[in-house]
Amino acid sequence: MPEDSWNRASGLRDQTGIDSVRNRVLHSAILHVESSGLTLGIDPVSLERLCSDAGVSMKQFGKTWASTDAFLGDLFCELANQAQIDRADTETLLTTWQYLSMRADDLRSVEGRRSVLIDIIRTAAEYNFDVVTASAKWRTYAALSTTILSWPESAGRTRVLDALRASELAFVETMESFYRNVLPTIGYRLKPVFHNDYQAFVVAAASVIEGLGIVRATVPALVEAHFDIPAEPEPETWSVASLAFIGVLDAFFELDPDFVPEHAIARVSGGVDVTPQSQSDADY
C-alpha cells in the first residue's frame, strides 16, 4: 500500500518532529509484521533494523518511546485500528443492492426469495472468506486477538484490548447495518426469540468465516473443499464457508409472514439505498 494511502487508512498523519518519527517507525513495523508475522516482543537487532528502514536513529526512537513495551503498545493499537478496514467492506452492500434490483421480480414468491437469499449467501460468504481471511491485516488482527492476553498485565495491555474491542464493535455495527438493510428486503426477519437484536447473529456469522480462515492455514484442502448439493433444475456448488454461513443464518432468521413484495420491489427498484429500514418500515 502506498505510504499516503496507509497513513489515511490508519489515521496516522504526516507531521514533523516526534510525531513524524513515531509515524515512520510504526509504518516500518506494520510492514514488517504483515510480511513476517506478529510477535509480542522485539529484540534489539530487529528494532535497529526497523528504525533504519524508517530513517530514524535509535536516539530519536528513545525520545519518542520510553521503552520497547511502550512502542509495542502503540504498534498493537495501530494494528487493531486498521484491521476493521479489511473486515467490513462497504462496497459489498452497494454490490448486493445492485444485485437485488436485478432480481426484484423473484421477491414476489417464497421460492424466489429463498433463491435470492441462497445466491447472495453463496457469493458473499465465499467472497468474504477468500478476500478477508487472505488479508495480511486480518491475519495480524486474528493473531493479536488470540495472543495479547499472554502479554503481562499492564496499562499497555489494557489499551490494546480497548483498541481491539473498539475495532470489533465498529465491525459489528457496520455488518448489523448491512444485514438490517438486506435481509428484511428479501422477506426474512430475525426469529422473535432474538428481539430484533442482530448483534448475536453478526458475531456468530463472522466467527464462522474467520474461524475457517484460521483453520485454512493448517488444513487448506479441507476448508477449501466444494460440494455439489442437489437442487432444481441442477445441482448447486457450495463452499464449506457458504454451507456454514447459511446454517447460521437459518438458525437466526425465518420467513417474514407480513412481507409485502410490492414494497420491497419498489425499494430495490428505486436505486441504491444504504439506509436500513426503520422498525416501523419493516413492520409495514
Protein backbone atom coordinates (compact mmCIF):
# COMPACT_ATOMS: atom_id res chain seq x y z
CA MET A 1 0.00 0.00 0.00
CA PRO A 2 1.43 3.45 -0.87
CA GLU A 3 2.52 5.37 2.19
CA ASP A 4 -0.01 8.17 1.77
CA SER A 5 -2.85 5.62 1.49
CA TRP A 6 -1.59 3.74 4.54
CA ASN A 7 -1.45 6.96 6.55
CA ARG A 8 -5.04 7.82 5.67
CA ALA A 9 -6.24 4.29 6.40
CA SER A 10 -4.59 4.01 9.79
CA GLY A 11 -5.23 7.55 10.96
CA LEU A 12 -1.53 8.43 11.10
CA ARG A 13 -0.73 11.90 9.76
CA ASP A 14 2.39 13.31 8.13
CA GLN A 15 3.87 15.56 10.78
CA THR A 16 7.26 16.80 11.89
CA GLY A 17 9.39 16.10 14.96
CA ILE A 18 8.38 13.35 17.37
CA ASP A 19 5.11 12.62 15.57
CA SER A 20 6.96 12.14 12.28
CA VAL A 21 9.41 9.74 13.92
CA ARG A 22 6.54 7.86 15.52
CA ASN A 23 4.66 7.51 12.23
CA ARG A 24 7.67 6.36 10.26
CA VAL A 25 8.73 3.71 12.79
CA LEU A 26 5.17 2.40 13.17
CA HIS A 27 4.82 2.24 9.39
CA SER A 28 8.05 0.26 9.15
CA ALA A 29 6.93 -2.05 11.96
CA ILE A 30 3.50 -2.72 10.43
CA LEU A 31 5.06 -3.61 7.08
CA HIS A 32 7.38 -5.98 8.93
CA VAL A 33 4.51 -7.62 10.81
CA GLU A 34 2.48 -8.06 7.61
CA SER A 35 5.40 -9.73 5.84
CA SER A 36 6.93 -11.73 8.71
CA GLY A 37 4.14 -12.26 11.23
CA LEU A 38 3.32 -10.97 14.71
CA THR A 39 5.41 -11.40 17.84
CA LEU A 40 4.73 -9.95 21.26
CA GLY A 41 8.32 -8.82 21.75
CA ILE A 42 11.20 -7.36 19.76
CA ASP A 43 14.96 -7.89 20.06
CA PRO A 44 17.49 -5.03 19.79
CA VAL A 45 18.74 -6.12 16.36
CA SER A 46 15.23 -6.17 14.88
CA LEU A 47 14.42 -2.82 16.47
CA GLU A 48 17.52 -1.24 14.98
CA ARG A 49 16.55 -2.64 11.57
CA LEU A 50 13.03 -1.20 11.82
CA CYS A 51 14.43 2.20 12.76
CA SER A 52 16.99 2.06 9.95
CA ASP A 53 14.27 1.21 7.42
CA ALA A 54 12.29 4.18 8.72
CA GLY A 55 15.26 6.54 8.53
CA VAL A 56 15.19 7.04 12.29
CA SER A 57 18.11 6.86 14.74
CA MET A 58 17.95 4.92 17.98
CA LYS A 59 18.38 8.24 19.79
CA GLN A 60 15.24 9.56 18.08
CA PHE A 61 13.44 6.33 18.95
CA GLY A 62 14.39 6.78 22.61
CA LYS A 63 12.98 10.30 22.64
CA THR A 64 9.68 9.04 21.24
CA TRP A 65 9.15 5.93 23.37
CA ALA A 66 10.28 5.44 26.96
CA SER A 67 10.57 1.68 26.45
CA THR A 68 10.12 -1.04 23.86
CA ASP A 69 6.90 -2.06 25.63
CA ALA A 70 5.55 1.46 25.10
CA PHE A 71 6.44 1.17 21.40
CA LEU A 72 4.81 -2.27 21.13
CA GLY A 73 1.68 -0.92 22.80
CA ASP A 74 1.40 1.81 20.17
CA LEU A 75 2.10 -0.71 17.40
CA PHE A 76 -0.54 -3.17 18.61
CA CYS A 77 -3.14 -0.39 18.89
CA GLU A 78 -2.44 0.65 15.28
CA LEU A 79 -2.78 -2.97 14.14
CA ALA A 80 -6.12 -3.24 15.94
CA ASN A 81 -7.39 0.03 14.49
CA GLN A 82 -6.58 -0.72 10.87
CA ALA A 83 -7.99 -4.27 10.89
CA GLN A 84 -11.58 -3.06 10.56
CA ILE A 85 -10.70 -1.62 7.13
CA ASP A 86 -10.42 -5.15 5.72
CA ARG A 87 -13.12 -6.87 7.77
CA ALA A 88 -16.10 -4.76 6.73
CA ASP A 89 -16.20 -3.90 3.02
CA THR A 90 -18.75 -1.13 2.43
CA GLU A 91 -18.72 -1.90 -1.29
CA THR A 92 -20.37 -5.24 -0.52
CA LEU A 93 -23.63 -3.52 0.45
CA LEU A 94 -23.70 -1.46 -2.75
CA THR A 95 -22.99 -4.52 -4.89
CA THR A 96 -25.66 -6.56 -3.09
CA TRP A 97 -28.24 -3.81 -3.55
CA GLN A 98 -27.49 -3.63 -7.26
CA TYR A 99 -27.89 -7.41 -7.48
CA LEU A 100 -31.27 -7.22 -5.71
CA SER A 101 -32.50 -4.71 -8.26
CA MET A 102 -31.85 -7.30 -10.98
CA ARG A 103 -33.76 -9.98 -9.05
CA ALA A 104 -36.70 -7.79 -7.99
CA ASP A 105 -39.37 -9.97 -9.63
CA ASP A 106 -38.13 -13.02 -7.69
CA LEU A 107 -39.21 -11.29 -4.47
CA ARG A 108 -42.86 -11.99 -5.31
CA SER A 109 -42.73 -15.64 -4.19
CA VAL A 110 -41.37 -17.56 -1.21
CA GLU A 111 -39.37 -19.79 -3.56
CA GLY A 112 -37.95 -16.78 -5.37
CA ARG A 113 -36.93 -15.06 -2.15
CA ARG A 114 -35.19 -18.21 -0.95
CA SER A 115 -33.35 -18.44 -4.27
CA VAL A 116 -32.20 -14.82 -3.95
CA LEU A 117 -31.07 -15.40 -0.37
CA ILE A 118 -29.09 -18.51 -1.30
CA ASP A 119 -27.41 -16.83 -4.25
CA ILE A 120 -26.41 -13.86 -2.11
CA ILE A 121 -25.05 -16.05 0.66
CA ARG A 122 -23.17 -18.38 -1.65
CA THR A 123 -21.49 -15.45 -3.35
CA ALA A 124 -20.94 -13.14 -0.38
CA ALA A 125 -19.75 -15.81 2.06
CA GLU A 126 -17.23 -17.21 -0.37
CA TYR A 127 -16.05 -13.72 -1.31
CA ASN A 128 -15.61 -12.72 2.33
CA PHE A 129 -13.81 -15.95 3.10
CA ASP A 130 -11.41 -15.62 0.18
CA VAL A 131 -10.74 -11.90 0.46
CA VAL A 132 -10.98 -11.08 4.15
CA THR A 133 -9.14 -14.09 5.57
CA ALA A 134 -6.40 -13.81 2.94
CA SER A 135 -5.68 -10.25 4.07
CA ALA A 136 -2.45 -9.62 5.95
CA LYS A 137 -4.28 -7.09 8.12
CA TRP A 138 -6.91 -9.65 9.12
CA ARG A 139 -4.29 -12.34 9.87
CA THR A 140 -2.46 -9.88 12.08
CA TYR A 141 -5.69 -8.88 13.83
CA ALA A 142 -6.56 -12.53 14.46
CA ALA A 143 -3.10 -13.26 15.83
CA LEU A 144 -3.15 -10.20 18.07
CA SER A 145 -6.62 -11.03 19.40
CA THR A 146 -5.59 -14.52 20.43
CA THR A 147 -2.14 -13.73 21.86
CA ILE A 148 -2.43 -10.35 23.57
CA LEU A 149 -3.70 -11.93 26.79
CA SER A 150 -0.31 -13.62 27.18
CA TRP A 151 1.25 -10.15 27.48
CA PRO A 152 1.85 -9.19 31.13
CA GLU A 153 -0.98 -7.24 32.72
CA SER A 154 -0.28 -3.55 32.34
CA ALA A 155 -1.80 -0.27 31.22
CA GLY A 156 -0.39 -1.03 27.77
CA ARG A 157 -2.20 -4.35 27.51
CA THR A 158 -5.43 -2.72 28.64
CA ARG A 159 -5.03 -0.06 25.97
CA VAL A 160 -4.54 -2.71 23.27
CA LEU A 161 -7.56 -4.67 24.48
CA ASP A 162 -9.62 -1.47 24.37
CA ALA A 163 -8.48 -0.87 20.78
CA LEU A 164 -9.38 -4.43 19.80
CA ARG A 165 -12.78 -4.05 21.45
CA ALA A 166 -13.43 -0.77 19.63
CA SER A 167 -12.47 -2.36 16.32
CA GLU A 168 -14.75 -5.32 16.96
CA LEU A 169 -17.70 -3.11 17.91
CA ALA A 170 -17.18 -0.95 14.80
CA PHE A 171 -17.23 -4.08 12.66
CA VAL A 172 -20.39 -5.38 14.36
CA GLU A 173 -22.10 -2.02 13.81
CA THR A 174 -21.21 -1.97 10.10
CA MET A 175 -22.34 -5.54 9.49
CA GLU A 176 -25.51 -5.07 11.54
CA SER A 177 -26.43 -2.20 9.21
CA PHE A 178 -25.77 -4.45 6.21
CA TYR A 179 -27.97 -7.30 7.43
CA ARG A 180 -30.75 -4.99 8.65
CA ASN A 181 -30.79 -3.50 5.18
CA VAL A 182 -30.70 -6.65 3.06
CA LEU A 183 -32.50 -9.47 4.87
CA PRO A 184 -35.87 -7.76 5.54
CA THR A 185 -35.84 -6.58 1.92
CA ILE A 186 -35.85 -10.18 0.70
CA GLY A 187 -38.54 -11.23 3.14
CA TYR A 188 -36.63 -12.58 6.12
CA ARG A 189 -36.78 -11.49 9.75
CA LEU A 190 -34.98 -12.41 12.95
CA LYS A 191 -36.81 -15.09 14.89
CA PRO A 192 -38.81 -13.49 17.74
CA VAL A 193 -36.58 -15.02 20.42
CA PHE A 194 -33.78 -12.61 19.38
CA HIS A 195 -35.93 -9.50 19.98
CA ASN A 196 -34.74 -7.72 16.79
CA ASP A 197 -31.13 -7.71 18.06
CA TYR A 198 -28.86 -8.58 15.13
CA GLN A 199 -25.59 -8.49 17.05
CA ALA A 200 -25.55 -12.14 18.13
CA PHE A 201 -26.06 -13.18 14.50
CA VAL A 202 -23.30 -10.84 13.28
CA VAL A 203 -20.84 -12.27 15.78
CA ALA A 204 -21.81 -15.88 15.01
CA ALA A 205 -21.58 -15.34 11.24
CA ALA A 206 -18.21 -13.59 11.48
CA SER A 207 -16.89 -16.34 13.74
CA VAL A 208 -17.72 -18.95 11.11
CA ILE A 209 -15.88 -17.13 8.33
CA GLU A 210 -12.91 -16.08 10.43
CA GLY A 211 -12.66 -19.41 12.23
CA LEU A 212 -12.45 -21.17 8.88
CA GLY A 213 -9.80 -18.65 7.89
CA ILE A 214 -7.66 -19.72 10.86
CA VAL A 215 -8.16 -23.42 10.11
CA ARG A 216 -7.25 -22.87 6.44
CA ALA A 217 -3.66 -22.10 7.47
CA THR A 218 -3.18 -25.72 8.57
CA VAL A 219 -5.66 -27.80 6.51
CA PRO A 220 -6.44 -25.76 3.39
CA ALA A 221 -7.68 -28.74 1.37
CA LEU A 222 -10.45 -29.43 3.88
CA VAL A 223 -11.55 -25.83 4.26
CA GLU A 224 -11.44 -25.02 0.54
CA ALA A 225 -13.49 -28.07 -0.48
CA HIS A 226 -16.66 -27.61 -2.55
CA PHE A 227 -19.73 -29.84 -2.71
CA ASP A 228 -22.48 -30.36 -5.26
CA ILE A 229 -25.78 -30.07 -3.40
CA PRO A 230 -28.96 -31.44 -5.09
CA ALA A 231 -31.21 -28.64 -6.37
CA GLU A 232 -33.57 -27.83 -9.23
CA PRO A 233 -33.01 -27.60 -12.14
CA GLU A 234 -29.42 -28.74 -11.49
CA PRO A 235 -27.08 -29.31 -8.52
CA GLU A 236 -25.53 -26.23 -6.87
CA THR A 237 -21.87 -26.00 -5.94
CA TRP A 238 -21.31 -24.83 -2.37
CA SER A 239 -18.12 -23.99 -0.49
CA VAL A 240 -17.65 -25.02 3.14
CA ALA A 241 -17.84 -21.33 4.13
CA SER A 242 -21.15 -20.86 2.32
CA LEU A 243 -22.67 -24.01 3.82
CA ALA A 244 -21.62 -22.99 7.32
CA PHE A 245 -22.88 -19.44 6.82
CA ILE A 246 -26.33 -20.45 5.57
CA GLY A 247 -26.60 -22.80 8.56
CA VAL A 248 -26.02 -19.92 10.95
CA LEU A 249 -28.44 -17.69 9.05
CA ASP A 250 -31.21 -20.30 9.15
CA ALA A 251 -30.71 -20.65 12.90
CA PHE A 252 -31.41 -16.93 13.41
CA PHE A 253 -33.84 -15.98 10.62
CA GLU A 254 -37.21 -17.07 9.30
CA LEU A 255 -39.56 -16.02 6.52
CA ASP A 256 -41.45 -12.86 7.40
CA PRO A 257 -45.19 -13.67 7.30
CA ASP A 258 -46.03 -9.95 6.93
CA PHE A 259 -43.70 -9.35 3.99
CA VAL A 260 -45.20 -7.20 1.22
CA PRO A 261 -43.37 -7.90 -2.06
CA GLU A 262 -44.51 -4.68 -3.73
CA HIS A 263 -42.92 -2.56 -1.01
CA ALA A 264 -39.60 -4.38 -1.32
CA ILE A 265 -39.65 -4.26 -5.12
CA ALA A 266 -40.29 -0.52 -5.07
CA ARG A 267 -37.41 -0.08 -2.66
CA VAL A 268 -34.80 -2.05 -4.63
CA SER A 269 -36.02 -0.57 -7.92
CA GLY A 270 -35.59 2.96 -6.63
CA GLY A 271 -31.80 2.89 -6.77
CA VAL A 272 -29.08 2.16 -4.24
CA ASP A 273 -30.42 2.53 -0.71
CA VAL A 274 -27.87 2.02 2.05
CA THR A 275 -30.10 3.15 4.93
CA PRO A 276 -31.54 0.26 6.97
CA GLN A 277 -35.31 0.17 7.25
CA SER A 278 -36.72 1.52 10.49
CA GLN A 279 -38.65 -0.93 12.60
CA SER A 280 -41.91 0.73 11.58
CA ASP A 281 -40.98 0.31 7.90
CA ALA A 282 -40.04 -3.31 8.48
CA ASP A 283 -43.39 -3.91 10.13
CA TYR A 284 -45.18 -2.17 7.23
